[in-house]
Amino acid sequence: MMRIKEEESRTEEVRQQKWQGKLIEARWDDADVTDTVAGVYELYQQLLPIKIYQQYKTKTSNNTYVKCCMCGKAMESVPYDLSGCSVLAQSKYKTRHDAALKDLFFNLLCDTGLIESAPSWCLPETPKPEYKNDRASAF
């Protein structure tokens, strides 16, 4: 009973927070929240188990070396891992950007009638070199 009361108290405390309460409350009330939305929220709050998080927020790591494990140039953080690491820029960033543009390209093809339907963004389908019909063409 004490645990339930404490959980209710914490829940109400979070609901009252102006900077975070509204977002969390919306997640609690939404029955359709998926793991993807939760993952994006974790990115937004920088709650991923990276070195900075483990060292300074949860204090679960005794390792004081918090530099990026791939390049060793800067402190490892979510923004740095997503767009700042020079090692990742040579391969993973290009792949990520190509995937985003591929989704846009397939949707444009679908809108112009060059294909019947756009494939899901997560499928490894690659575009053909050329699409043509009587109204449009795309290379």
N, C-alpha and C. Protein backbone atom coordinates (compact mmCIF):
# COMPACT_ATOMS: atom_id res chain seq x y z
N MET A 1 0.82 -1.18 0.00
CA MET A 1 0.00 0.00 0.00
C MET A 1 0.88 1.26 0.00
N MET A 2 1.97 1.19 0.77
CA MET A 2 2.89 2.34 0.83
C MET A 2 3.53 2.58 -0.53
N ARG A 3 3.88 1.49 -1.21
CA ARG A 3 4.50 1.61 -2.52
C ARG A 3 3.54 2.24 -3.52
N ILE A 4 2.28 1.86 -3.47
CA ILE A 4 1.28 2.43 -4.37
C ILE A 4 1.11 3.91 -4.10
N LYS A 5 1.04 4.30 -2.83
CA LYS A 5 0.90 5.72 -2.48
C LYS A 5 2.11 6.53 -2.92
N GLU A 6 3.30 5.96 -2.75
CA GLU A 6 4.51 6.67 -3.17
C GLU A 6 4.55 6.82 -4.69
N GLU A 7 4.14 5.79 -5.41
CA GLU A 7 4.10 5.88 -6.87
C GLU A 7 3.08 6.93 -7.32
N GLU A 8 1.94 6.99 -6.68
CA GLU A 8 0.94 8.00 -7.00
C GLU A 8 1.49 9.40 -6.72
N SER A 9 2.21 9.53 -5.63
CA SER A 9 2.81 10.82 -5.28
C SER A 9 3.83 11.25 -6.31
N ARG A 10 4.68 10.33 -6.74
CA ARG A 10 5.68 10.64 -7.77
C ARG A 10 5.02 10.99 -9.10
N THR A 11 3.97 10.24 -9.44
CA THR A 11 3.25 10.50 -10.68
C THR A 11 2.67 11.91 -10.67
N GLU A 12 2.06 12.30 -9.58
CA GLU A 12 1.48 13.64 -9.48
C GLU A 12 2.57 14.71 -9.53
N GLU A 13 3.71 14.43 -8.91
CA GLU A 13 4.83 15.38 -8.93
C GLU A 13 5.33 15.60 -10.36
N VAL A 14 5.44 14.53 -11.13
CA VAL A 14 5.88 14.64 -12.52
C VAL A 14 4.84 15.39 -13.35
N ARG A 15 3.57 15.12 -13.12
CA ARG A 15 2.51 15.81 -13.86
C ARG A 15 2.55 17.32 -13.63
N GLN A 16 3.02 17.75 -12.47
CA GLN A 16 3.06 19.17 -12.14
C GLN A 16 4.27 19.90 -12.73
N GLN A 17 5.27 19.17 -13.20
CA GLN A 17 6.45 19.80 -13.77
C GLN A 17 6.11 20.43 -15.11
N LYS A 18 6.46 21.70 -15.26
CA LYS A 18 6.11 22.42 -16.48
C LYS A 18 6.95 21.98 -17.67
N TRP A 19 8.23 21.72 -17.47
CA TRP A 19 9.12 21.43 -18.60
C TRP A 19 8.99 20.02 -19.11
N GLN A 20 8.56 19.08 -18.29
CA GLN A 20 8.55 17.68 -18.69
C GLN A 20 7.20 17.03 -18.45
N GLY A 21 6.46 17.53 -17.51
CA GLY A 21 5.22 16.88 -17.11
C GLY A 21 4.21 16.71 -18.21
N LYS A 22 4.07 17.71 -19.07
CA LYS A 22 3.09 17.64 -20.16
C LYS A 22 3.43 16.53 -21.15
N LEU A 23 4.72 16.40 -21.47
CA LEU A 23 5.13 15.36 -22.41
C LEU A 23 4.91 13.96 -21.83
N ILE A 24 5.31 13.78 -20.60
CA ILE A 24 5.16 12.46 -19.97
C ILE A 24 3.69 12.13 -19.76
N GLU A 25 2.91 13.13 -19.34
CA GLU A 25 1.48 12.91 -19.12
C GLU A 25 0.80 12.49 -20.42
N ALA A 26 1.18 13.12 -21.53
CA ALA A 26 0.62 12.75 -22.82
C ALA A 26 0.99 11.30 -23.17
N ARG A 27 2.20 10.90 -22.86
CA ARG A 27 2.60 9.50 -23.12
C ARG A 27 1.81 8.53 -22.27
N TRP A 28 1.57 8.88 -20.99
CA TRP A 28 0.82 7.99 -20.11
C TRP A 28 -0.61 7.83 -20.59
N ASP A 29 -1.20 8.92 -21.10
CA ASP A 29 -2.60 8.90 -21.49
C ASP A 29 -2.82 8.33 -22.89
N ASP A 30 -1.77 8.20 -23.69
CA ASP A 30 -1.90 7.73 -25.06
C ASP A 30 -1.73 6.22 -25.11
N ALA A 31 -2.79 5.53 -25.54
CA ALA A 31 -2.74 4.07 -25.59
C ALA A 31 -1.92 3.55 -26.76
N ASP A 32 -1.63 4.40 -27.74
CA ASP A 32 -0.93 3.96 -28.95
C ASP A 32 0.57 4.26 -28.93
N VAL A 33 1.12 4.57 -27.78
CA VAL A 33 2.55 4.88 -27.71
C VAL A 33 3.35 3.61 -27.99
N THR A 34 4.31 3.73 -28.90
CA THR A 34 5.10 2.57 -29.28
C THR A 34 6.51 2.69 -28.73
N ASP A 35 7.28 1.64 -28.92
CA ASP A 35 8.68 1.66 -28.50
C ASP A 35 9.47 2.70 -29.26
N THR A 36 9.09 2.97 -30.48
CA THR A 36 9.79 3.98 -31.28
C THR A 36 9.62 5.35 -30.66
N VAL A 37 8.41 5.68 -30.26
CA VAL A 37 8.16 6.97 -29.63
C VAL A 37 8.93 7.06 -28.32
N ALA A 38 8.95 5.99 -27.56
CA ALA A 38 9.70 5.97 -26.31
C ALA A 38 11.20 6.16 -26.58
N GLY A 39 11.69 5.54 -27.65
CA GLY A 39 13.11 5.71 -28.00
C GLY A 39 13.44 7.13 -28.40
N VAL A 40 12.56 7.77 -29.16
CA VAL A 40 12.78 9.16 -29.55
C VAL A 40 12.75 10.05 -28.31
N TYR A 41 11.85 9.75 -27.39
CA TYR A 41 11.77 10.52 -26.16
C TYR A 41 13.05 10.37 -25.35
N GLU A 42 13.59 9.16 -25.31
CA GLU A 42 14.86 8.94 -24.61
C GLU A 42 15.98 9.73 -25.27
N LEU A 43 15.99 9.80 -26.59
CA LEU A 43 16.96 10.63 -27.30
C LEU A 43 16.80 12.09 -26.90
N TYR A 44 15.55 12.55 -26.88
CA TYR A 44 15.24 13.93 -26.54
C TYR A 44 15.73 14.27 -25.13
N GLN A 45 15.51 13.37 -24.21
CA GLN A 45 15.92 13.59 -22.83
C GLN A 45 17.37 13.18 -22.56
N GLN A 46 18.04 12.63 -23.57
CA GLN A 46 19.40 12.14 -23.47
C GLN A 46 19.54 11.11 -22.34
N LEU A 47 18.67 10.11 -22.38
CA LEU A 47 18.66 9.07 -21.37
C LEU A 47 19.28 7.76 -21.85
N LEU A 48 19.95 7.79 -22.98
CA LEU A 48 20.58 6.58 -23.48
C LEU A 48 21.80 6.24 -22.64
N PRO A 49 22.11 4.96 -22.49
CA PRO A 49 23.22 4.56 -21.63
C PRO A 49 24.59 4.80 -22.27
N ILE A 50 24.92 6.05 -22.48
CA ILE A 50 26.24 6.39 -22.99
C ILE A 50 27.13 6.77 -21.81
N LYS A 51 28.39 7.01 -22.07
CA LYS A 51 29.35 7.23 -20.99
C LYS A 51 29.00 8.42 -20.10
N ILE A 52 28.60 9.54 -20.70
CA ILE A 52 28.24 10.73 -19.92
C ILE A 52 27.07 10.42 -19.00
N TYR A 53 26.07 9.75 -19.53
CA TYR A 53 24.88 9.40 -18.75
C TYR A 53 25.26 8.49 -17.58
N GLN A 54 26.07 7.47 -17.84
CA GLN A 54 26.44 6.54 -16.78
C GLN A 54 27.35 7.18 -15.74
N GLN A 55 28.19 8.10 -16.15
CA GLN A 55 29.13 8.72 -15.23
C GLN A 55 28.48 9.80 -14.39
N TYR A 56 27.73 10.70 -15.02
CA TYR A 56 27.26 11.89 -14.32
C TYR A 56 25.80 11.83 -13.86
N LYS A 57 24.92 11.17 -14.63
CA LYS A 57 23.51 11.16 -14.24
C LYS A 57 23.16 10.01 -13.31
N THR A 58 23.55 8.79 -13.69
CA THR A 58 23.20 7.64 -12.84
C THR A 58 24.31 7.24 -11.88
N LYS A 59 25.51 7.70 -12.16
CA LYS A 59 26.70 7.37 -11.35
C LYS A 59 26.86 5.86 -11.19
N THR A 60 26.61 5.13 -12.30
CA THR A 60 26.75 3.68 -12.28
C THR A 60 28.08 3.21 -12.84
N SER A 61 28.90 4.15 -13.27
CA SER A 61 30.19 3.79 -13.84
C SER A 61 31.31 4.47 -13.06
N ASN A 62 32.36 3.72 -12.78
CA ASN A 62 33.53 4.28 -12.13
C ASN A 62 34.56 4.76 -13.14
N ASN A 63 34.29 4.53 -14.41
CA ASN A 63 35.20 4.92 -15.47
C ASN A 63 35.15 6.43 -15.66
N THR A 64 36.27 7.10 -15.48
CA THR A 64 36.30 8.56 -15.61
C THR A 64 36.60 8.99 -17.04
N TYR A 65 36.93 8.05 -17.91
CA TYR A 65 37.20 8.36 -19.31
C TYR A 65 35.87 8.41 -20.05
N VAL A 66 35.42 9.60 -20.42
CA VAL A 66 34.12 9.76 -21.07
C VAL A 66 34.25 10.24 -22.50
N LYS A 67 35.41 10.08 -23.09
CA LYS A 67 35.61 10.47 -24.49
C LYS A 67 34.97 9.43 -25.40
N CYS A 68 34.67 9.84 -26.61
CA CYS A 68 34.08 8.96 -27.61
C CYS A 68 34.98 7.75 -27.82
N CYS A 69 34.40 6.56 -27.79
CA CYS A 69 35.21 5.35 -27.93
C CYS A 69 35.65 5.11 -29.37
N MET A 70 35.06 5.81 -30.33
CA MET A 70 35.42 5.60 -31.72
C MET A 70 36.53 6.54 -32.19
N CYS A 71 36.46 7.80 -31.75
CA CYS A 71 37.47 8.75 -32.21
C CYS A 71 38.33 9.28 -31.07
N GLY A 72 37.82 9.29 -29.85
CA GLY A 72 38.58 9.76 -28.69
C GLY A 72 38.82 11.25 -28.65
N LYS A 73 38.10 12.02 -29.48
CA LYS A 73 38.35 13.46 -29.56
C LYS A 73 37.49 14.29 -28.62
N ALA A 74 36.23 13.93 -28.45
CA ALA A 74 35.31 14.73 -27.64
C ALA A 74 34.56 13.83 -26.67
N MET A 75 33.84 14.46 -25.73
CA MET A 75 33.04 13.70 -24.78
C MET A 75 31.90 13.01 -25.52
N GLU A 76 31.66 11.75 -25.18
CA GLU A 76 30.60 10.99 -25.82
C GLU A 76 29.26 11.47 -25.29
N SER A 77 28.39 11.89 -26.20
CA SER A 77 27.04 12.32 -25.85
C SER A 77 26.13 11.98 -27.02
N VAL A 78 24.84 12.09 -26.81
CA VAL A 78 23.89 11.77 -27.87
C VAL A 78 24.09 12.69 -29.08
N PRO A 79 24.14 14.03 -28.88
CA PRO A 79 24.34 14.89 -30.06
C PRO A 79 25.66 14.59 -30.78
N TYR A 80 26.71 14.32 -30.03
CA TYR A 80 28.00 14.04 -30.66
C TYR A 80 27.93 12.74 -31.45
N ASP A 81 27.31 11.71 -30.87
CA ASP A 81 27.20 10.44 -31.58
C ASP A 81 26.32 10.55 -32.82
N LEU A 82 25.31 11.40 -32.78
CA LEU A 82 24.41 11.54 -33.92
C LEU A 82 24.99 12.37 -35.05
N SER A 83 25.84 13.35 -34.74
CA SER A 83 26.29 14.21 -35.83
C SER A 83 27.70 14.76 -35.71
N GLY A 84 28.45 14.41 -34.69
CA GLY A 84 29.74 15.05 -34.53
C GLY A 84 30.97 14.16 -34.68
N CYS A 85 30.82 12.88 -34.55
CA CYS A 85 31.98 11.98 -34.57
C CYS A 85 32.54 11.84 -35.98
N SER A 86 33.81 12.13 -36.14
CA SER A 86 34.44 12.08 -37.47
C SER A 86 34.55 10.65 -38.00
N VAL A 87 34.66 9.69 -37.12
CA VAL A 87 34.74 8.29 -37.56
C VAL A 87 33.40 7.85 -38.15
N LEU A 88 32.31 8.22 -37.49
CA LEU A 88 30.99 7.86 -38.00
C LEU A 88 30.64 8.64 -39.26
N ALA A 89 31.17 9.83 -39.40
CA ALA A 89 30.85 10.66 -40.57
C ALA A 89 31.29 10.00 -41.87
N GLN A 90 32.30 9.15 -41.80
CA GLN A 90 32.82 8.52 -43.00
C GLN A 90 31.93 7.39 -43.51
N SER A 91 31.04 6.86 -42.66
CA SER A 91 30.22 5.74 -43.11
C SER A 91 28.77 5.83 -42.67
N LYS A 92 28.53 5.86 -41.39
CA LYS A 92 27.16 5.75 -40.87
C LYS A 92 26.30 6.97 -41.20
N TYR A 93 26.84 8.17 -41.14
CA TYR A 93 26.05 9.36 -41.44
C TYR A 93 25.56 9.34 -42.88
N LYS A 94 26.46 8.95 -43.79
CA LYS A 94 26.08 8.89 -45.20
C LYS A 94 24.95 7.87 -45.40
N THR A 95 25.06 6.74 -44.75
CA THR A 95 24.02 5.72 -44.85
C THR A 95 22.69 6.24 -44.32
N ARG A 96 22.74 6.94 -43.18
CA ARG A 96 21.53 7.50 -42.58
C ARG A 96 20.88 8.53 -43.50
N HIS A 97 21.69 9.43 -44.05
CA HIS A 97 21.14 10.45 -44.94
C HIS A 97 20.61 9.84 -46.24
N ASP A 98 21.30 8.86 -46.77
CA ASP A 98 20.82 8.18 -47.98
C ASP A 98 19.46 7.52 -47.73
N ALA A 99 19.30 6.90 -46.56
CA ALA A 99 18.04 6.24 -46.22
C ALA A 99 16.90 7.26 -46.12
N ALA A 100 17.18 8.42 -45.53
CA ALA A 100 16.15 9.46 -45.42
C ALA A 100 15.75 9.98 -46.80
N LEU A 101 16.73 10.21 -47.65
CA LEU A 101 16.43 10.69 -49.00
C LEU A 101 15.74 9.63 -49.85
N LYS A 102 16.07 8.37 -49.62
CA LYS A 102 15.43 7.28 -50.35
C LYS A 102 13.94 7.27 -50.05
N ASP A 103 13.56 7.46 -48.79
CA ASP A 103 12.15 7.50 -48.41
C ASP A 103 11.45 8.67 -49.11
N LEU A 104 12.07 9.82 -49.12
CA LEU A 104 11.51 10.99 -49.80
C LEU A 104 11.38 10.72 -51.31
N PHE A 105 12.40 10.13 -51.90
CA PHE A 105 12.40 9.84 -53.33
C PHE A 105 11.25 8.89 -53.70
N PHE A 106 11.07 7.81 -52.91
CA PHE A 106 10.00 6.85 -53.20
C PHE A 106 8.63 7.51 -53.05
N ASN A 107 8.48 8.39 -52.07
CA ASN A 107 7.19 9.08 -51.91
C ASN A 107 6.92 10.03 -53.08
N LEU A 108 7.96 10.69 -53.58
CA LEU A 108 7.79 11.53 -54.77
C LEU A 108 7.42 10.69 -55.99
N LEU A 109 8.05 9.54 -56.14
CA LEU A 109 7.70 8.63 -57.25
C LEU A 109 6.25 8.20 -57.16
N CYS A 110 5.82 7.91 -55.96
CA CYS A 110 4.43 7.49 -55.75
C CYS A 110 3.46 8.62 -56.07
N ASP A 111 3.79 9.83 -55.64
CA ASP A 111 2.93 10.99 -55.89
C ASP A 111 2.81 11.32 -57.38
N THR A 112 3.87 11.08 -58.12
CA THR A 112 3.83 11.37 -59.56
C THR A 112 3.30 10.20 -60.38
N GLY A 113 3.00 9.10 -59.74
CA GLY A 113 2.43 7.96 -60.43
C GLY A 113 3.46 7.06 -61.10
N LEU A 114 4.71 7.23 -60.76
CA LEU A 114 5.76 6.39 -61.36
C LEU A 114 5.82 5.01 -60.73
N ILE A 115 5.36 4.89 -59.50
CA ILE A 115 5.24 3.58 -58.84
C ILE A 115 3.88 3.52 -58.17
N GLU A 116 3.41 2.31 -57.91
CA GLU A 116 2.09 2.12 -57.32
C GLU A 116 2.03 2.58 -55.86
N SER A 117 3.01 2.13 -55.07
CA SER A 117 3.04 2.51 -53.65
C SER A 117 4.49 2.59 -53.18
N ALA A 118 4.72 3.46 -52.22
CA ALA A 118 6.07 3.62 -51.68
C ALA A 118 6.35 2.50 -50.69
N PRO A 119 7.51 1.87 -50.79
CA PRO A 119 7.85 0.82 -49.82
C PRO A 119 8.10 1.43 -48.44
N SER A 120 8.02 0.62 -47.45
CA SER A 120 8.29 1.08 -46.09
C SER A 120 9.71 1.62 -45.99
N TRP A 121 9.90 2.65 -45.18
CA TRP A 121 11.21 3.29 -45.05
C TRP A 121 12.27 2.33 -44.53
N CYS A 122 11.86 1.29 -43.80
CA CYS A 122 12.85 0.41 -43.18
C CYS A 122 13.27 -0.75 -44.09
N LEU A 123 12.64 -0.91 -45.23
CA LEU A 123 13.03 -1.98 -46.15
C LEU A 123 14.31 -1.62 -46.89
N PRO A 124 15.15 -2.59 -47.18
CA PRO A 124 16.44 -2.29 -47.84
C PRO A 124 16.31 -2.16 -49.36
N GLU A 125 15.17 -1.74 -49.85
CA GLU A 125 14.95 -1.61 -51.28
C GLU A 125 15.71 -0.41 -51.83
N THR A 126 16.37 -0.62 -52.96
CA THR A 126 17.11 0.48 -53.59
C THR A 126 16.36 0.94 -54.84
N PRO A 127 16.40 2.23 -55.13
CA PRO A 127 15.71 2.73 -56.32
C PRO A 127 16.36 2.23 -57.60
N LYS A 128 15.56 2.11 -58.65
CA LYS A 128 16.08 1.78 -59.98
C LYS A 128 16.77 3.02 -60.56
N PRO A 129 17.62 2.84 -61.55
CA PRO A 129 18.30 4.01 -62.14
C PRO A 129 17.33 4.98 -62.83
N GLU A 130 16.20 4.47 -63.34
CA GLU A 130 15.29 5.34 -64.08
C GLU A 130 13.85 4.87 -63.93
N TYR A 131 12.94 5.84 -63.78
CA TYR A 131 11.50 5.59 -63.75
C TYR A 131 10.86 6.49 -64.79
N LYS A 132 9.95 5.92 -65.58
CA LYS A 132 9.27 6.72 -66.64
C LYS A 132 7.83 6.32 -66.75
N ASN A 133 7.00 7.30 -67.06
CA ASN A 133 5.63 7.07 -67.52
C ASN A 133 5.29 8.22 -68.46
N ASP A 134 4.05 8.31 -68.90
CA ASP A 134 3.69 9.35 -69.87
C ASP A 134 3.64 10.74 -69.25
N ARG A 135 3.57 10.85 -67.92
CA ARG A 135 3.48 12.15 -67.26
C ARG A 135 4.83 12.65 -66.72
N ALA A 136 5.71 11.73 -66.32
CA ALA A 136 6.95 12.16 -65.65
C ALA A 136 8.04 11.13 -65.85
N SER A 137 9.26 11.55 -65.54
CA SER A 137 10.40 10.63 -65.52
C SER A 137 11.32 11.05 -64.40
N ALA A 138 11.97 10.07 -63.81
CA ALA A 138 12.90 10.33 -62.70
C ALA A 138 14.13 9.47 -62.88
N PHE A 139 15.27 10.07 -62.57
CA PHE A 139 16.55 9.35 -62.70
C PHE A 139 17.19 9.20 -61.35
